Amino acid sequence: GSANLPTSTVALTTPDGERVETACIGSGSVEAVFNTLEALVKEE
């Protein structure tokens, strides 16, 4: 929303078959999604 920070909630299954999920903010919707994915993925 124009008055709120974009927030993304994402659920993934990992290569080990585990289900993980979390939420992150970003300066825009795409960045919020990417920040959330980066928080869930173990790789650098």
All heavy atoms as atom14 arrays in JSON, in Angstrom:
{
  "sequence": "GSANLPTSTVALTTPDGERVETACIGSGSVEAVFNTLEALVKEE",
  "atom14_mask": [
    [1, 1, 1, 1, 0, 0, 0, 0, 0, 0, 0, 0, 0, 0],
    [1, 1, 1, 1, 1, 1, 0, 0, 0, 0, 0, 0, 0, 0],
    [1, 1, 1, 1, 1, 0, 0, 0, 0, 0, 0, 0, 0, 0],
    [1, 1, 1, 1, 1, 1, 1, 1, 0, 0, 0, 0, 0, 0],
    [1, 1, 1, 1, 1, 1, 1, 1, 0, 0, 0, 0, 0, 0],
    [1, 1, 1, 1, 1, 1, 1, 0, 0, 0, 0, 0, 0, 0],
    [1, 1, 1, 1, 1, 1, 1, 0, 0, 0, 0, 0, 0, 0],
    [1, 1, 1, 1, 1, 1, 0, 0, 0, 0, 0, 0, 0, 0],
    [1, 1, 1, 1, 1, 1, 1, 0, 0, 0, 0, 0, 0, 0],
    [1, 1, 1, 1, 1, 1, 1, 0, 0, 0, 0, 0, 0, 0],
    [1, 1, 1, 1, 1, 0, 0, 0, 0, 0, 0, 0, 0, 0],
    [1, 1, 1, 1, 1, 1, 1, 1, 0, 0, 0, 0, 0, 0],
    [1, 1, 1, 1, 1, 1, 1, 0, 0, 0, 0, 0, 0, 0],
    [1, 1, 1, 1, 1, 1, 1, 0, 0, 0, 0, 0, 0, 0],
    [1, 1, 1, 1, 1, 1, 1, 0, 0, 0, 0, 0, 0, 0],
    [1, 1, 1, 1, 1, 1, 1, 1, 0, 0, 0, 0, 0, 0],
    [1, 1, 1, 1, 0, 0, 0, 0, 0, 0, 0, 0, 0, 0],
    [1, 1, 1, 1, 1, 1, 1, 1, 1, 0, 0, 0, 0, 0],
    [1, 1, 1, 1, 1, 1, 1, 1, 1, 1, 1, 0, 0, 0],
    [1, 1, 1, 1, 1, 1, 1, 0, 0, 0, 0, 0, 0, 0],
    [1, 1, 1, 1, 1, 1, 1, 1, 1, 0, 0, 0, 0, 0],
    [1, 1, 1, 1, 1, 1, 1, 0, 0, 0, 0, 0, 0, 0],
    [1, 1, 1, 1, 1, 0, 0, 0, 0, 0, 0, 0, 0, 0],
    [1, 1, 1, 1, 1, 1, 0, 0, 0, 0, 0, 0, 0, 0],
    [1, 1, 1, 1, 1, 1, 1, 1, 0, 0, 0, 0, 0, 0],
    [1, 1, 1, 1, 0, 0, 0, 0, 0, 0, 0, 0, 0, 0],
    [1, 1, 1, 1, 1, 1, 0, 0, 0, 0, 0, 0, 0, 0],
    [1, 1, 1, 1, 0, 0, 0, 0, 0, 0, 0, 0, 0, 0],
    [1, 1, 1, 1, 1, 1, 0, 0, 0, 0, 0, 0, 0, 0],
    [1, 1, 1, 1, 1, 1, 1, 0, 0, 0, 0, 0, 0, 0],
    [1, 1, 1, 1, 1, 1, 1, 1, 1, 0, 0, 0, 0, 0],
    [1, 1, 1, 1, 1, 0, 0, 0, 0, 0, 0, 0, 0, 0],
    [1, 1, 1, 1, 1, 1, 1, 0, 0, 0, 0, 0, 0, 0],
    [1, 1, 1, 1, 1, 1, 1, 1, 1, 1, 1, 0, 0, 0],
    [1, 1, 1, 1, 1, 1, 1, 1, 0, 0, 0, 0, 0, 0],
    [1, 1, 1, 1, 1, 1, 1, 0, 0, 0, 0, 0, 0, 0],
    [1, 1, 1, 1, 1, 1, 1, 1, 0, 0, 0, 0, 0, 0],
    [1, 1, 1, 1, 1, 1, 1, 1, 1, 0, 0, 0, 0, 0],
    [1, 1, 1, 1, 1, 0, 0, 0, 0, 0, 0, 0, 0, 0],
    [1, 1, 1, 1, 1, 1, 1, 1, 0, 0, 0, 0, 0, 0],
    [1, 1, 1, 1, 1, 1, 1, 0, 0, 0, 0, 0, 0, 0],
    [1, 1, 1, 1, 1, 1, 1, 1, 1, 0, 0, 0, 0, 0],
    [1, 1, 1, 1, 1, 1, 1, 1, 1, 0, 0, 0, 0, 0],
    [1, 1, 1, 1, 1, 1, 1, 1, 1, 0, 0, 0, 0, 0]
  ],
  "atom14_positions": [
    [[0.85, -1.19, 0.0], [0.0, 0.0, 0.0], [0.87, 1.23, 0.0], [2.02, 1.19, 0.47], [0.0, 0.0, 0.0], [0.0, 0.0, 0.0], [0.0, 0.0, 0.0], [0.0, 0.0, 0.0], [0.0, 0.0, 0.0], [0.0, 0.0, 0.0], [0.0, 0.0, 0.0], [0.0, 0.0, 0.0], [0.0, 0.0, 0.0], [0.0, 0.0, 0.0]],
    [[0.35, 2.33, -0.52], [1.18, 3.53, -0.65], [1.65, 4.07, 0.69], [2.66, 4.76, 0.77], [0.4, 4.62, -1.4], [-0.8, 4.94, -0.71], [0.0, 0.0, 0.0], [0.0, 0.0, 0.0], [0.0, 0.0, 0.0], [0.0, 0.0, 0.0], [0.0, 0.0, 0.0], [0.0, 0.0, 0.0], [0.0, 0.0, 0.0], [0.0, 0.0, 0.0]],
    [[0.94, 3.73, 1.76], [1.32, 4.23, 3.09], [2.0, 3.17, 3.94], [2.31, 3.41, 5.11], [0.07, 4.75, 3.81], [0.0, 0.0, 0.0], [0.0, 0.0, 0.0], [0.0, 0.0, 0.0], [0.0, 0.0, 0.0], [0.0, 0.0, 0.0], [0.0, 0.0, 0.0], [0.0, 0.0, 0.0], [0.0, 0.0, 0.0], [0.0, 0.0, 0.0]],
    [[2.23, 1.97, 3.38], [2.82, 0.88, 4.15], [4.05, 0.32, 3.46], [4.2, 0.43, 2.24], [1.8, -0.26, 4.31], [0.54, 0.19, 5.01], [0.6, 0.79, 6.07], [-0.6, -0.1, 4.39], [0.0, 0.0, 0.0], [0.0, 0.0, 0.0], [0.0, 0.0, 0.0], [0.0, 0.0, 0.0], [0.0, 0.0, 0.0], [0.0, 0.0, 0.0]],
    [[4.94, -0.3, 4.27], [6.09, -0.98, 3.69], [5.63, -2.27, 3.01], [4.87, -3.05, 3.61], [7.11, -1.33, 4.78], [8.02, -0.2, 5.27], [8.85, -0.69, 6.46], [8.95, 0.25, 4.15], [0.0, 0.0, 0.0], [0.0, 0.0, 0.0], [0.0, 0.0, 0.0], [0.0, 0.0, 0.0], [0.0, 0.0, 0.0], [0.0, 0.0, 0.0]],
    [[6.05, -2.54, 1.78], [5.71, -3.81, 1.13], [6.24, -4.98, 1.95], [7.41, -4.98, 2.37], [6.41, -3.72, -0.23], [6.58, -2.25, -0.46], [6.81, -1.65, 0.88], [0.0, 0.0, 0.0], [0.0, 0.0, 0.0], [0.0, 0.0, 0.0], [0.0, 0.0, 0.0], [0.0, 0.0, 0.0], [0.0, 0.0, 0.0], [0.0, 0.0, 0.0]],
    [[5.39, -5.95, 2.2], [5.76, -7.12, 3.0], [5.42, -8.38, 2.23], [4.32, -8.51, 1.69], [5.0, -7.12, 4.35], [5.25, -5.9, 5.03], [5.46, -8.28, 5.22], [0.0, 0.0, 0.0], [0.0, 0.0, 0.0], [0.0, 0.0, 0.0], [0.0, 0.0, 0.0], [0.0, 0.0, 0.0], [0.0, 0.0, 0.0], [0.0, 0.0, 0.0]],
    [[6.36, -9.3, 2.19], [6.17, -10.55, 1.46], [6.27, -11.73, 2.41], [7.18, -11.79, 3.25], [7.23, -10.69, 0.36], [7.18, -11.97, -0.21], [0.0, 0.0, 0.0], [0.0, 0.0, 0.0], [0.0, 0.0, 0.0], [0.0, 0.0, 0.0], [0.0, 0.0, 0.0], [0.0, 0.0, 0.0], [0.0, 0.0, 0.0], [0.0, 0.0, 0.0]],
    [[5.35, -12.66, 2.28], [5.39, -13.93, 3.01], [5.53, -15.04, 1.97], [4.78, -15.11, 1.01], [4.09, -14.15, 3.81], [3.9, -13.05, 4.69], [4.17, -15.44, 4.62], [0.0, 0.0, 0.0], [0.0, 0.0, 0.0], [0.0, 0.0, 0.0], [0.0, 0.0, 0.0], [0.0, 0.0, 0.0], [0.0, 0.0, 0.0], [0.0, 0.0, 0.0]],
    [[6.52, -15.91, 2.17], [6.82, -16.96, 1.2], [6.98, -18.3, 1.91], [7.58, -18.37, 2.98], [8.11, -16.65, 0.4], [8.45, -17.79, -0.56], [7.97, -15.34, -0.37], [0.0, 0.0, 0.0], [0.0, 0.0, 0.0], [0.0, 0.0, 0.0], [0.0, 0.0, 0.0], [0.0, 0.0, 0.0], [0.0, 0.0, 0.0], [0.0, 0.0, 0.0]],
    [[6.44, -19.35, 1.29], [6.64, -20.72, 1.76], [7.34, -21.51, 0.66], [6.95, -21.44, -0.51], [5.32, -21.37, 2.11], [0.0, 0.0, 0.0], [0.0, 0.0, 0.0], [0.0, 0.0, 0.0], [0.0, 0.0, 0.0], [0.0, 0.0, 0.0], [0.0, 0.0, 0.0], [0.0, 0.0, 0.0], [0.0, 0.0, 0.0], [0.0, 0.0, 0.0]],
    [[8.39, -22.24, 1.02], [9.18, -23.04, 0.09], [9.33, -24.46, 0.59], [9.22, -24.72, 1.8], [10.59, -22.47, -0.08], [10.83, -21.06, -0.58], [12.32, -20.79, -0.57], [10.26, -20.92, -1.98], [0.0, 0.0, 0.0], [0.0, 0.0, 0.0], [0.0, 0.0, 0.0], [0.0, 0.0, 0.0], [0.0, 0.0, 0.0], [0.0, 0.0, 0.0]],
    [[9.64, -25.38, -0.33], [10.21, -26.67, 0.07], [11.67, -26.64, -0.33], [12.03, -26.17, -1.41], [9.5, -27.86, -0.6], [9.51, -27.67, -2.02], [8.08, -27.99, -0.11], [0.0, 0.0, 0.0], [0.0, 0.0, 0.0], [0.0, 0.0, 0.0], [0.0, 0.0, 0.0], [0.0, 0.0, 0.0], [0.0, 0.0, 0.0], [0.0, 0.0, 0.0]],
    [[12.54, -27.11, 0.52], [13.98, -27.09, 0.3], [14.42, -28.35, -0.45], [13.63, -29.31, -0.58], [14.74, -27.0, 1.64], [14.6, -28.26, 2.32], [14.17, -25.88, 2.51], [0.0, 0.0, 0.0], [0.0, 0.0, 0.0], [0.0, 0.0, 0.0], [0.0, 0.0, 0.0], [0.0, 0.0, 0.0], [0.0, 0.0, 0.0], [0.0, 0.0, 0.0]],
    [[15.67, -28.4, -0.92], [16.16, -29.61, -1.59], [16.09, -30.84, -0.68], [16.07, -31.97, -1.17], [17.61, -29.25, -1.93], [17.59, -27.77, -2.1], [16.62, -27.28, -1.05], [0.0, 0.0, 0.0], [0.0, 0.0, 0.0], [0.0, 0.0, 0.0], [0.0, 0.0, 0.0], [0.0, 0.0, 0.0], [0.0, 0.0, 0.0], [0.0, 0.0, 0.0]],
    [[16.04, -30.63, 0.65], [15.95, -31.75, 1.58], [14.5, -32.15, 1.85], [14.24, -33.06, 2.66], [16.63, -31.38, 2.91], [18.11, -31.11, 2.73], [18.72, -31.77, 1.87], [18.64, -30.23, 3.43], [0.0, 0.0, 0.0], [0.0, 0.0, 0.0], [0.0, 0.0, 0.0], [0.0, 0.0, 0.0], [0.0, 0.0, 0.0], [0.0, 0.0, 0.0]],
    [[13.54, -31.47, 1.21], [12.14, -31.81, 1.4], [11.47, -31.1, 2.56], [10.29, -31.33, 2.85], [0.0, 0.0, 0.0], [0.0, 0.0, 0.0], [0.0, 0.0, 0.0], [0.0, 0.0, 0.0], [0.0, 0.0, 0.0], [0.0, 0.0, 0.0], [0.0, 0.0, 0.0], [0.0, 0.0, 0.0], [0.0, 0.0, 0.0], [0.0, 0.0, 0.0]],
    [[12.19, -30.2, 3.22], [11.63, -29.48, 4.36], [10.81, -28.27, 3.88], [11.2, -27.59, 2.95], [12.78, -29.01, 5.26], [12.34, -28.21, 6.47], [13.52, -27.64, 7.25], [14.69, -27.82, 6.8], [13.29, -26.99, 8.29], [0.0, 0.0, 0.0], [0.0, 0.0, 0.0], [0.0, 0.0, 0.0], [0.0, 0.0, 0.0], [0.0, 0.0, 0.0]],
    [[9.69, -28.02, 4.53], [8.9, -26.83, 4.23], [9.34, -25.71, 5.16], [9.39, -25.89, 6.39], [7.4, -27.09, 4.4], [6.54, -25.85, 4.11], [5.08, -26.11, 4.4], [4.33, -24.86, 4.41], [3.36, -24.56, 3.55], [3.04, -25.41, 2.6], [2.72, -23.41, 3.65], [0.0, 0.0, 0.0], [0.0, 0.0, 0.0], [0.0, 0.0, 0.0]],
    [[9.65, -24.56, 4.58], [10.09, -23.39, 5.36], [9.3, -22.18, 4.91], [8.87, -22.1, 3.75], [11.6, -23.13, 5.2], [12.41, -24.26, 5.8], [11.97, -22.95, 3.73], [0.0, 0.0, 0.0], [0.0, 0.0, 0.0], [0.0, 0.0, 0.0], [0.0, 0.0, 0.0], [0.0, 0.0, 0.0], [0.0, 0.0, 0.0], [0.0, 0.0, 0.0]],
    [[9.08, -21.23, 5.81], [8.41, -20.0, 5.42], [8.81, -18.87, 6.36], [9.2, -19.09, 7.5], [6.89, -20.16, 5.42], [6.26, -20.57, 6.74], [4.76, -20.76, 6.6], [4.33, -21.85, 6.17], [4.04, -19.79, 6.92], [0.0, 0.0, 0.0], [0.0, 0.0, 0.0], [0.0, 0.0, 0.0], [0.0, 0.0, 0.0], [0.0, 0.0, 0.0]],
    [[8.74, -17.65, 5.84], [9.05, -16.46, 6.62], [8.49, -15.25, 5.89], [7.92, -15.38, 4.8], [10.57, -16.32, 6.85], [10.8, -15.32, 7.85], [11.29, -15.9, 5.57], [0.0, 0.0, 0.0], [0.0, 0.0, 0.0], [0.0, 0.0, 0.0], [0.0, 0.0, 0.0], [0.0, 0.0, 0.0], [0.0, 0.0, 0.0], [0.0, 0.0, 0.0]],
    [[8.66, -14.08, 6.5], [8.19, -12.83, 5.89], [9.27, -11.78, 6.02], [10.02, -11.75, 7.02], [6.9, -12.35, 6.56], [0.0, 0.0, 0.0], [0.0, 0.0, 0.0], [0.0, 0.0, 0.0], [0.0, 0.0, 0.0], [0.0, 0.0, 0.0], [0.0, 0.0, 0.0], [0.0, 0.0, 0.0], [0.0, 0.0, 0.0], [0.0, 0.0, 0.0]],
    [[9.39, -10.92, 5.0], [10.37, -9.83, 5.0], [9.76, -8.61, 4.33], [8.78, -8.72, 3.58], [11.65, -10.23, 4.27], [12.64, -11.49, 5.11], [0.0, 0.0, 0.0], [0.0, 0.0, 0.0], [0.0, 0.0, 0.0], [0.0, 0.0, 0.0], [0.0, 0.0, 0.0], [0.0, 0.0, 0.0], [0.0, 0.0, 0.0], [0.0, 0.0, 0.0]],
    [[10.35, -7.46, 4.59], [9.92, -6.23, 3.94], [10.92, -5.83, 2.87], [12.02, -6.39, 2.78], [9.76, -5.08, 4.96], [11.1, -4.81, 5.65], [8.68, -5.41, 5.98], [11.09, -3.57, 6.54], [0.0, 0.0, 0.0], [0.0, 0.0, 0.0], [0.0, 0.0, 0.0], [0.0, 0.0, 0.0], [0.0, 0.0, 0.0], [0.0, 0.0, 0.0]],
    [[10.54, -4.87, 2.05], [11.42, -4.33, 1.02], [10.95, -2.96, 0.61], [9.84, -2.53, 0.97], [0.0, 0.0, 0.0], [0.0, 0.0, 0.0], [0.0, 0.0, 0.0], [0.0, 0.0, 0.0], [0.0, 0.0, 0.0], [0.0, 0.0, 0.0], [0.0, 0.0, 0.0], [0.0, 0.0, 0.0], [0.0, 0.0, 0.0], [0.0, 0.0, 0.0]],
    [[11.77, -2.25, -0.14], [11.37, -0.92, -0.6], [10.32, -0.99, -1.7], [9.67, 0.0, -2.01], [12.6, -0.13, -1.08], [13.26, -0.83, -2.11], [0.0, 0.0, 0.0], [0.0, 0.0, 0.0], [0.0, 0.0, 0.0], [0.0, 0.0, 0.0], [0.0, 0.0, 0.0], [0.0, 0.0, 0.0], [0.0, 0.0, 0.0], [0.0, 0.0, 0.0]],
    [[10.16, -2.16, -2.3], [9.15, -2.4, -3.32], [8.69, -3.84, -3.22], [9.29, -4.65, -2.49], [0.0, 0.0, 0.0], [0.0, 0.0, 0.0], [0.0, 0.0, 0.0], [0.0, 0.0, 0.0], [0.0, 0.0, 0.0], [0.0, 0.0, 0.0], [0.0, 0.0, 0.0], [0.0, 0.0, 0.0], [0.0, 0.0, 0.0], [0.0, 0.0, 0.0]],
    [[7.66, -4.19, -3.96], [7.1, -5.54, -3.87], [8.1, -6.61, -4.31], [8.24, -7.65, -3.67], [5.83, -5.63, -4.71], [4.85, -4.74, -4.25], [0.0, 0.0, 0.0], [0.0, 0.0, 0.0], [0.0, 0.0, 0.0], [0.0, 0.0, 0.0], [0.0, 0.0, 0.0], [0.0, 0.0, 0.0], [0.0, 0.0, 0.0], [0.0, 0.0, 0.0]],
    [[8.78, -6.37, -5.44], [9.75, -7.35, -5.94], [10.88, -7.52, -4.94], [11.3, -8.65, -4.64], [10.29, -6.94, -7.32], [11.42, -7.87, -7.75], [9.18, -6.96, -8.37], [0.0, 0.0, 0.0], [0.0, 0.0, 0.0], [0.0, 0.0, 0.0], [0.0, 0.0, 0.0], [0.0, 0.0, 0.0], [0.0, 0.0, 0.0], [0.0, 0.0, 0.0]],
    [[11.4, -6.42, -4.4], [12.49, -6.52, -3.43], [12.03, -7.27, -2.18], [12.79, -8.06, -1.6], [13.02, -5.15, -3.04], [14.24, -5.24, -2.15], [14.73, -3.91, -1.64], [13.94, -2.95, -1.6], [15.91, -3.83, -1.26], [0.0, 0.0, 0.0], [0.0, 0.0, 0.0], [0.0, 0.0, 0.0], [0.0, 0.0, 0.0], [0.0, 0.0, 0.0]],
    [[10.79, -7.05, -1.76], [10.28, -7.77, -0.6], [10.26, -9.27, -0.85], [10.64, -10.07, 0.02], [8.88, -7.26, -0.26], [0.0, 0.0, 0.0], [0.0, 0.0, 0.0], [0.0, 0.0, 0.0], [0.0, 0.0, 0.0], [0.0, 0.0, 0.0], [0.0, 0.0, 0.0], [0.0, 0.0, 0.0], [0.0, 0.0, 0.0], [0.0, 0.0, 0.0]],
    [[9.81, -9.67, -2.05], [9.82, -11.09, -2.41], [11.23, -11.64, -2.42], [11.51, -12.71, -1.86], [9.14, -11.3, -3.79], [9.33, -12.74, -4.26], [7.66, -10.97, -3.72], [0.0, 0.0, 0.0], [0.0, 0.0, 0.0], [0.0, 0.0, 0.0], [0.0, 0.0, 0.0], [0.0, 0.0, 0.0], [0.0, 0.0, 0.0], [0.0, 0.0, 0.0]],
    [[12.16, -10.92, -3.04], [13.54, -11.39, -3.13], [14.19, -11.45, -1.74], [14.95, -12.38, -1.45], [14.34, -10.48, -4.06], [14.09, -10.73, -5.53], [14.73, -9.97, -6.5], [13.22, -11.72, -5.95], [14.51, -10.19, -7.85], [12.98, -11.95, -7.29], [13.63, -11.18, -8.25], [0.0, 0.0, 0.0], [0.0, 0.0, 0.0], [0.0, 0.0, 0.0]],
    [[13.94, -10.46, -0.9], [14.49, -10.48, 0.46], [14.0, -11.7, 1.23], [14.74, -12.33, 1.99], [14.12, -9.21, 1.21], [14.9, -8.0, 0.73], [15.91, -8.13, 0.05], [14.42, -6.82, 1.08], [0.0, 0.0, 0.0], [0.0, 0.0, 0.0], [0.0, 0.0, 0.0], [0.0, 0.0, 0.0], [0.0, 0.0, 0.0], [0.0, 0.0, 0.0]],
    [[12.72, -12.05, 1.05], [12.15, -13.21, 1.73], [12.77, -14.5, 1.22], [13.12, -15.4, 2.0], [10.62, -13.25, 1.54], [10.08, -11.96, 1.83], [9.99, -14.26, 2.46], [0.0, 0.0, 0.0], [0.0, 0.0, 0.0], [0.0, 0.0, 0.0], [0.0, 0.0, 0.0], [0.0, 0.0, 0.0], [0.0, 0.0, 0.0], [0.0, 0.0, 0.0]],
    [[12.9, -14.61, -0.09], [13.52, -15.8, -0.67], [14.96, -15.95, -0.19], [15.41, -17.06, 0.13], [13.48, -15.73, -2.2], [12.09, -15.87, -2.85], [12.16, -15.5, -4.32], [11.56, -17.29, -2.67], [0.0, 0.0, 0.0], [0.0, 0.0, 0.0], [0.0, 0.0, 0.0], [0.0, 0.0, 0.0], [0.0, 0.0, 0.0], [0.0, 0.0, 0.0]],
    [[15.68, -14.85, -0.17], [17.08, -14.9, 0.26], [17.19, -15.34, 1.72], [18.13, -16.04, 2.1], [17.73, -13.53, 0.07], [19.24, -13.56, 0.16], [19.87, -12.28, -0.35], [19.2, -11.5, -1.04], [21.06, -12.06, -0.05], [0.0, 0.0, 0.0], [0.0, 0.0, 0.0], [0.0, 0.0, 0.0], [0.0, 0.0, 0.0], [0.0, 0.0, 0.0]],
    [[16.21, -14.95, 2.54], [16.21, -15.36, 3.95], [15.94, -16.85, 4.11], [16.42, -17.49, 5.06], [15.17, -14.55, 4.72], [0.0, 0.0, 0.0], [0.0, 0.0, 0.0], [0.0, 0.0, 0.0], [0.0, 0.0, 0.0], [0.0, 0.0, 0.0], [0.0, 0.0, 0.0], [0.0, 0.0, 0.0], [0.0, 0.0, 0.0], [0.0, 0.0, 0.0]],
    [[15.19, -17.43, 3.17], [14.83, -18.84, 3.25], [15.87, -19.77, 2.63], [16.01, -20.92, 3.03], [13.48, -19.07, 2.56], [12.25, -18.48, 3.25], [11.04, -18.61, 2.35], [12.0, -19.15, 4.59], [0.0, 0.0, 0.0], [0.0, 0.0, 0.0], [0.0, 0.0, 0.0], [0.0, 0.0, 0.0], [0.0, 0.0, 0.0], [0.0, 0.0, 0.0]],
    [[16.56, -19.29, 1.62], [17.53, -20.11, 0.9], [18.86, -20.13, 1.65], [19.37, -19.09, 2.07], [17.71, -19.57, -0.54], [18.88, -20.26, -1.23], [16.43, -19.76, -1.34], [0.0, 0.0, 0.0], [0.0, 0.0, 0.0], [0.0, 0.0, 0.0], [0.0, 0.0, 0.0], [0.0, 0.0, 0.0], [0.0, 0.0, 0.0], [0.0, 0.0, 0.0]],
    [[19.43, -21.31, 1.79], [20.66, -21.45, 2.58], [21.9, -20.95, 1.84], [22.9, -20.6, 2.45], [20.86, -22.92, 2.95], [19.76, -23.49, 3.84], [19.98, -24.97, 4.11], [18.85, -25.54, 4.96], [19.03, -27.0, 5.2], [0.0, 0.0, 0.0], [0.0, 0.0, 0.0], [0.0, 0.0, 0.0], [0.0, 0.0, 0.0], [0.0, 0.0, 0.0]],
    [[21.82, -20.94, 0.52], [22.99, -20.54, -0.27], [23.29, -19.05, -0.11], [22.4, -18.25, 0.19], [22.75, -20.86, -1.74], [23.05, -22.3, -2.12], [22.16, -23.3, -1.41], [20.96, -23.05, -1.24], [22.7, -24.33, -0.99], [0.0, 0.0, 0.0], [0.0, 0.0, 0.0], [0.0, 0.0, 0.0], [0.0, 0.0, 0.0], [0.0, 0.0, 0.0]],
    [[24.56, -18.7, -0.36], [24.96, -17.29, -0.33], [24.64, -16.66, -1.69], [25.13, -17.11, -2.72], [26.47, -17.18, -0.05], [26.95, -15.74, 0.07], [28.44, -15.65, 0.36], [29.0, -16.65, 0.85], [29.02, -14.59, 0.11], [0.0, 0.0, 0.0], [0.0, 0.0, 0.0], [0.0, 0.0, 0.0], [0.0, 0.0, 0.0], [0.0, 0.0, 0.0]]
  ]
}
